[in-house]
N, C-alpha and C. Protein backbone atom coordinates (compact mmCIF):
# COMPACT_ATOMS: atom_id res chain seq x y z
N MET A 1 139.30 69.51 71.27
CA MET A 1 138.26 69.74 70.55
C MET A 1 138.12 71.27 70.13
N ASP A 2 137.92 71.76 69.01
CA ASP A 2 137.92 73.11 68.81
C ASP A 2 136.50 73.73 69.05
N SER A 3 136.29 74.96 69.04
CA SER A 3 134.91 75.70 69.52
C SER A 3 133.99 75.14 68.39
N SER A 4 134.20 74.94 67.40
CA SER A 4 132.92 74.73 66.34
C SER A 4 132.34 73.22 66.78
N ASN A 5 133.26 72.21 67.17
CA ASN A 5 132.69 71.11 67.75
C ASN A 5 131.89 71.31 68.90
N TYR A 6 132.34 72.07 69.86
CA TYR A 6 131.77 72.20 71.11
C TYR A 6 130.40 72.78 70.80
N GLU A 7 130.29 73.94 69.93
CA GLU A 7 128.90 74.64 69.44
C GLU A 7 128.16 73.46 68.94
N SER A 8 128.64 72.65 68.06
CA SER A 8 127.52 71.53 67.43
C SER A 8 127.20 70.57 68.65
N LEU A 9 127.90 70.08 69.50
CA LEU A 9 127.36 69.35 70.68
C LEU A 9 126.72 69.92 71.50
N ASP A 10 126.83 71.23 71.68
CA ASP A 10 126.03 72.28 72.66
C ASP A 10 124.52 72.06 71.89
N GLU A 11 124.35 72.31 70.65
CA GLU A 11 123.07 72.21 69.79
C GLU A 11 122.46 70.66 69.83
N ARG A 12 123.29 69.77 69.69
CA ARG A 12 122.97 68.39 69.65
C ARG A 12 122.42 67.99 70.98
N THR A 13 122.96 68.30 72.06
CA THR A 13 122.40 68.10 73.46
C THR A 13 121.17 68.78 73.64
N PHE A 14 120.94 70.07 73.25
CA PHE A 14 119.68 70.54 73.30
C PHE A 14 118.74 70.00 72.61
N LYS A 15 118.97 69.61 71.16
CA LYS A 15 117.86 69.05 70.43
C LYS A 15 117.49 67.54 71.20
N PHE A 16 118.36 66.75 71.60
CA PHE A 16 118.24 65.79 72.30
C PHE A 16 117.14 65.90 73.43
N ALA A 17 117.21 66.83 74.27
CA ALA A 17 116.33 67.31 75.37
C ALA A 17 115.03 67.54 74.76
N GLN A 18 114.99 68.27 73.63
CA GLN A 18 113.81 68.61 72.95
C GLN A 18 112.87 67.45 72.32
N ARG A 19 113.62 66.45 71.70
CA ARG A 19 113.19 65.18 71.34
C ARG A 19 112.55 64.52 72.45
N ILE A 20 113.24 64.36 73.38
CA ILE A 20 112.61 63.73 74.64
C ILE A 20 111.38 64.26 74.97
N ARG A 21 111.22 65.51 75.29
CA ARG A 21 110.09 66.28 75.52
C ARG A 21 108.77 65.73 74.56
N SER A 22 109.17 65.88 73.23
CA SER A 22 108.14 65.56 72.34
C SER A 22 107.83 64.22 72.31
N PHE A 23 108.85 63.32 72.56
CA PHE A 23 108.48 61.88 72.62
C PHE A 23 107.58 61.63 73.89
N VAL A 24 107.91 61.92 74.92
CA VAL A 24 107.01 61.44 76.02
C VAL A 24 105.77 61.94 76.00
N LYS A 25 105.44 63.14 75.40
CA LYS A 25 104.06 63.50 75.34
C LYS A 25 103.03 62.55 74.60
N ARG A 26 103.58 61.50 73.75
CA ARG A 26 102.85 60.75 73.20
C ARG A 26 102.73 59.24 73.83
N LEU A 27 103.61 59.19 74.93
CA LEU A 27 103.62 57.82 75.48
C LEU A 27 102.40 57.44 76.31
N PRO A 28 102.07 56.10 76.57
CA PRO A 28 100.94 55.65 77.38
C PRO A 28 101.17 56.23 78.74
N ARG A 29 100.05 56.64 79.44
CA ARG A 29 100.32 57.09 81.13
C ARG A 29 100.07 56.11 81.82
N THR A 30 100.99 55.08 81.93
CA THR A 30 101.00 53.96 83.01
C THR A 30 101.61 54.55 84.35
N ILE A 31 101.48 54.09 85.38
CA ILE A 31 102.02 54.33 86.55
C ILE A 31 103.67 54.22 86.48
N ALA A 32 104.06 53.32 85.87
CA ALA A 32 105.49 53.20 85.53
C ALA A 32 106.16 54.12 84.68
N ASN A 33 105.44 54.43 83.71
CA ASN A 33 105.83 55.54 82.53
C ASN A 33 105.93 56.82 83.29
N ILE A 34 104.78 57.14 84.16
CA ILE A 34 104.61 58.51 84.51
C ILE A 34 106.03 58.75 85.46
N GLU A 35 106.34 57.89 86.28
CA GLU A 35 107.63 58.06 87.02
C GLU A 35 109.00 57.91 86.08
N ASP A 36 108.91 57.13 85.19
CA ASP A 36 110.48 57.24 84.38
C ASP A 36 110.34 58.29 83.34
N ILE A 37 109.27 58.66 82.83
CA ILE A 37 109.08 60.03 82.32
C ILE A 37 109.60 61.08 82.93
N ARG A 38 109.19 61.18 84.28
CA ARG A 38 110.01 62.34 85.04
C ARG A 38 111.34 62.44 85.17
N GLN A 39 111.77 61.10 85.40
CA GLN A 39 113.33 60.80 85.67
C GLN A 39 113.86 61.16 84.23
N LEU A 40 113.41 60.66 82.89
CA LEU A 40 113.95 60.84 81.78
C LEU A 40 114.14 62.33 81.40
N VAL A 41 113.04 63.15 81.68
CA VAL A 41 113.07 64.68 81.30
C VAL A 41 113.94 65.45 82.00
N ARG A 42 114.27 64.91 83.40
CA ARG A 42 115.22 65.56 84.21
C ARG A 42 116.57 65.32 83.75
N SER A 43 116.96 64.00 83.42
CA SER A 43 118.36 63.50 83.01
C SER A 43 118.73 63.97 81.45
N SER A 44 117.59 64.01 80.96
CA SER A 44 118.06 64.72 79.21
C SER A 44 118.23 66.17 79.40
N GLY A 45 117.48 66.91 80.15
CA GLY A 45 117.89 68.21 80.21
C GLY A 45 119.29 68.53 80.87
N SER A 46 119.51 67.59 81.89
CA SER A 46 120.75 67.72 82.67
C SER A 46 121.97 67.59 81.89
N ILE A 47 121.96 66.69 80.69
CA ILE A 47 123.08 66.44 79.80
C ILE A 47 123.47 67.84 78.94
N ALA A 48 122.30 68.45 78.66
CA ALA A 48 122.71 69.82 77.93
C ALA A 48 123.30 70.96 78.86
N ALA A 49 122.55 70.89 80.07
CA ALA A 49 122.79 72.09 81.08
C ALA A 49 124.24 71.77 81.60
N ASN A 50 124.83 70.56 81.82
CA ASN A 50 126.14 70.33 82.34
C ASN A 50 127.24 70.54 81.23
N TYR A 51 126.61 70.15 79.88
CA TYR A 51 127.59 70.32 78.91
C TYR A 51 127.84 72.09 78.80
N ILE A 52 126.75 72.77 79.00
CA ILE A 52 127.17 74.14 78.79
C ILE A 52 127.90 74.66 80.15
N GLU A 53 127.57 74.28 81.29
CA GLU A 53 128.45 74.56 82.45
C GLU A 53 129.88 74.15 82.23
N ALA A 54 130.26 73.00 81.37
CA ALA A 54 131.53 72.55 81.25
C ALA A 54 132.34 73.69 80.35
N ASN A 55 131.40 74.08 79.42
CA ASN A 55 132.35 75.14 78.36
C ASN A 55 132.42 76.43 79.32
N GLU A 56 131.83 76.75 80.13
CA GLU A 56 131.95 77.98 81.12
C GLU A 56 132.79 77.69 82.38
N SER A 57 133.30 76.66 82.37
CA SER A 57 134.04 76.32 83.68
C SER A 57 135.34 77.20 83.81
N LEU A 58 135.74 77.15 85.09
CA LEU A 58 136.64 78.04 85.45
C LEU A 58 138.13 77.27 85.62
N SER A 59 137.90 75.99 85.60
CA SER A 59 139.17 75.14 85.63
C SER A 59 138.96 73.99 84.82
N LYS A 60 140.13 73.28 84.60
CA LYS A 60 140.01 71.98 83.89
C LYS A 60 139.46 71.01 84.77
N LYS A 61 139.59 70.99 86.10
CA LYS A 61 139.16 70.06 86.94
C LYS A 61 137.65 70.31 86.84
N ASP A 62 137.34 71.49 86.96
CA ASP A 62 135.70 71.74 86.92
C ASP A 62 134.91 71.23 85.54
N PHE A 63 135.74 71.47 84.48
CA PHE A 63 135.52 71.08 82.93
C PHE A 63 135.18 69.57 83.02
N VAL A 64 136.22 68.76 83.56
CA VAL A 64 136.25 67.26 83.29
C VAL A 64 135.07 66.97 84.25
N MET A 65 134.88 67.41 85.38
CA MET A 65 133.70 67.10 86.16
C MET A 65 132.35 67.02 85.55
N ARG A 66 132.09 68.25 84.89
CA ARG A 66 130.80 68.70 84.14
C ARG A 66 130.56 67.66 83.15
N ILE A 67 131.67 67.28 82.36
CA ILE A 67 131.54 66.49 81.27
C ILE A 67 131.24 65.15 81.82
N LYS A 68 131.90 64.73 82.88
CA LYS A 68 131.54 63.30 83.51
C LYS A 68 130.16 63.31 84.08
N ILE A 69 129.53 64.56 84.60
CA ILE A 69 128.15 64.64 84.93
C ILE A 69 127.26 64.39 83.61
N SER A 70 127.72 65.01 82.62
CA SER A 70 126.71 64.97 81.21
C SER A 70 126.84 63.45 80.99
N ARG A 71 127.92 62.66 81.03
CA ARG A 71 128.08 61.33 80.74
C ARG A 71 127.19 60.38 81.66
N LYS A 72 127.32 60.76 82.92
CA LYS A 72 126.43 60.12 83.80
C LYS A 72 124.75 60.11 83.45
N GLU A 73 124.48 61.39 83.14
CA GLU A 73 123.16 61.70 82.61
C GLU A 73 122.80 61.13 81.56
N SER A 74 123.73 60.98 80.58
CA SER A 74 123.50 60.20 79.24
C SER A 74 123.19 58.74 79.62
N LYS A 75 123.75 58.15 80.62
CA LYS A 75 123.57 56.73 80.91
C LYS A 75 122.27 56.79 81.54
N GLU A 76 121.86 57.68 82.52
CA GLU A 76 120.50 57.56 83.05
C GLU A 76 119.49 57.72 82.08
N SER A 77 119.65 58.48 81.10
CA SER A 77 118.62 58.76 80.00
C SER A 77 118.56 57.44 79.26
N ARG A 78 119.54 56.71 78.98
CA ARG A 78 119.37 55.66 78.17
C ARG A 78 118.68 54.43 79.08
N LEU A 79 118.78 54.39 80.36
CA LEU A 79 118.13 53.56 81.31
C LEU A 79 116.59 53.71 81.16
N TRP A 80 116.21 55.03 81.57
CA TRP A 80 114.95 55.39 81.48
C TRP A 80 114.23 55.24 80.02
N LEU A 81 114.99 55.37 79.00
CA LEU A 81 114.29 55.10 77.64
C LEU A 81 114.10 53.69 77.52
N LYS A 82 114.87 52.76 77.98
CA LYS A 82 114.69 51.40 77.95
C LYS A 82 113.53 50.88 78.72
N LEU A 83 113.27 51.46 79.83
CA LEU A 83 112.31 51.08 80.66
C LEU A 83 110.86 51.52 80.32
N LEU A 84 110.81 52.46 79.40
CA LEU A 84 109.55 52.98 79.07
C LEU A 84 108.63 52.01 78.14
N GLU A 85 107.45 52.15 78.52
CA GLU A 85 106.52 51.33 77.80
C GLU A 85 105.98 52.21 76.72
N VAL A 86 106.07 51.56 75.35
CA VAL A 86 105.47 52.24 74.11
C VAL A 86 104.42 51.65 73.66
N ALA A 87 103.62 52.36 72.71
CA ALA A 87 102.27 51.90 72.33
C ALA A 87 102.29 51.44 71.04
N ASP A 88 103.41 51.72 70.13
CA ASP A 88 103.38 51.26 68.90
C ASP A 88 104.70 51.24 68.20
N LYS A 89 104.74 50.83 66.92
CA LYS A 89 106.02 50.58 66.26
C LYS A 89 106.80 52.16 66.22
N ASP A 90 105.92 53.05 65.75
CA ASP A 90 106.63 54.53 65.61
C ASP A 90 107.21 54.88 66.90
N GLN A 91 106.48 54.68 67.99
CA GLN A 91 107.12 54.97 69.40
C GLN A 91 108.47 54.20 69.49
N GLU A 92 108.33 52.94 69.38
CA GLU A 92 109.56 52.00 69.34
C GLU A 92 110.66 52.61 68.54
N ASP A 93 110.41 52.95 67.23
CA ASP A 93 111.44 53.27 66.50
C ASP A 93 112.27 54.62 67.14
N GLU A 94 111.40 55.54 67.56
CA GLU A 94 111.82 56.95 68.01
C GLU A 94 112.54 56.58 69.31
N ARG A 95 112.11 55.61 70.12
CA ARG A 95 112.79 55.28 71.35
C ARG A 95 114.24 54.65 71.06
N LEU A 96 114.27 53.89 70.10
CA LEU A 96 115.58 53.21 69.61
C LEU A 96 116.41 54.16 69.18
N SER A 97 116.02 55.15 68.55
CA SER A 97 116.83 56.28 67.93
C SER A 97 117.57 57.15 69.12
N LEU A 98 116.53 57.44 69.96
CA LEU A 98 116.89 58.16 71.34
C LEU A 98 117.75 57.32 72.05
N ILE A 99 117.98 55.97 72.23
CA ILE A 99 118.70 55.20 72.92
C ILE A 99 120.22 55.34 72.11
N GLN A 100 119.99 55.17 70.74
CA GLN A 100 121.27 55.39 70.12
C GLN A 100 121.97 56.59 70.32
N GLU A 101 121.27 57.84 70.37
CA GLU A 101 121.94 59.02 70.62
C GLU A 101 122.53 59.19 71.98
N SER A 102 121.86 58.57 72.92
CA SER A 102 122.21 58.68 74.23
C SER A 102 123.63 58.00 74.43
N SER A 103 123.72 56.72 73.67
CA SER A 103 124.88 55.86 73.67
C SER A 103 125.99 56.63 73.10
N GLU A 104 125.63 57.56 72.08
CA GLU A 104 126.67 58.25 71.21
C GLU A 104 127.26 59.29 72.16
N PHE A 105 126.20 60.01 73.00
CA PHE A 105 126.79 60.81 73.91
C PHE A 105 127.79 60.38 74.84
N ILE A 106 127.38 59.14 75.45
CA ILE A 106 128.46 58.47 76.19
C ILE A 106 129.68 58.23 75.71
N LYS A 107 129.97 58.02 74.47
CA LYS A 107 131.18 57.74 73.84
C LYS A 107 131.90 58.98 73.57
N ILE A 108 130.97 59.99 73.50
CA ILE A 108 131.76 61.28 73.02
C ILE A 108 132.23 61.82 74.42
N PHE A 109 131.27 61.80 75.55
CA PHE A 109 131.77 62.34 76.71
C PHE A 109 133.12 61.52 77.35
N SER A 110 132.99 60.23 77.11
CA SER A 110 134.19 59.45 77.61
C SER A 110 135.32 59.88 76.94
N SER A 111 135.25 60.25 75.50
CA SER A 111 136.54 60.59 74.69
C SER A 111 136.76 61.86 75.14
N ILE A 112 136.31 62.72 75.46
CA ILE A 112 136.48 64.13 75.99
C ILE A 112 137.09 63.93 77.50
N VAL A 113 136.70 63.24 78.33
CA VAL A 113 137.29 62.88 79.46
C VAL A 113 138.70 62.40 79.44
N SER A 114 138.75 61.34 78.58
CA SER A 114 140.09 60.89 78.52
C SER A 114 141.22 61.54 77.75
N LYS A 115 140.59 62.58 77.02
CA LYS A 115 141.67 63.59 76.34
C LYS A 115 142.08 64.72 77.29
N SER A 116 141.11 64.81 78.27
CA SER A 116 141.14 66.00 79.06
C SER A 116 142.24 65.72 80.37
N SER A 117 142.06 64.29 80.42
CA SER A 117 142.92 63.80 81.94
C SER A 117 144.48 63.72 81.68
């Protein structure tokens, strides 16, 4: 991957974490949602943070490990998104869009791992 692709994925993972934060502010505050929201906020931010660390890695092994962590956090984000209770169709549409984005991250990070191994 060239550096322009890394920069766009850097921005994309950051925007995903921002979208998550905006999305969860509008969700119903049930006991389950409160716990799932905490996990989702952590995992969505971790996708971006580990991707940044991967691009600053000191070795290929460290790079691959950080990309694998970003992939793992993408899978976790998708799980928490699926578990959340939404209040209306607009929230459901946004949730589905975020699930799709997390699924695309999984594919992208899987591709990077396979090309880097």
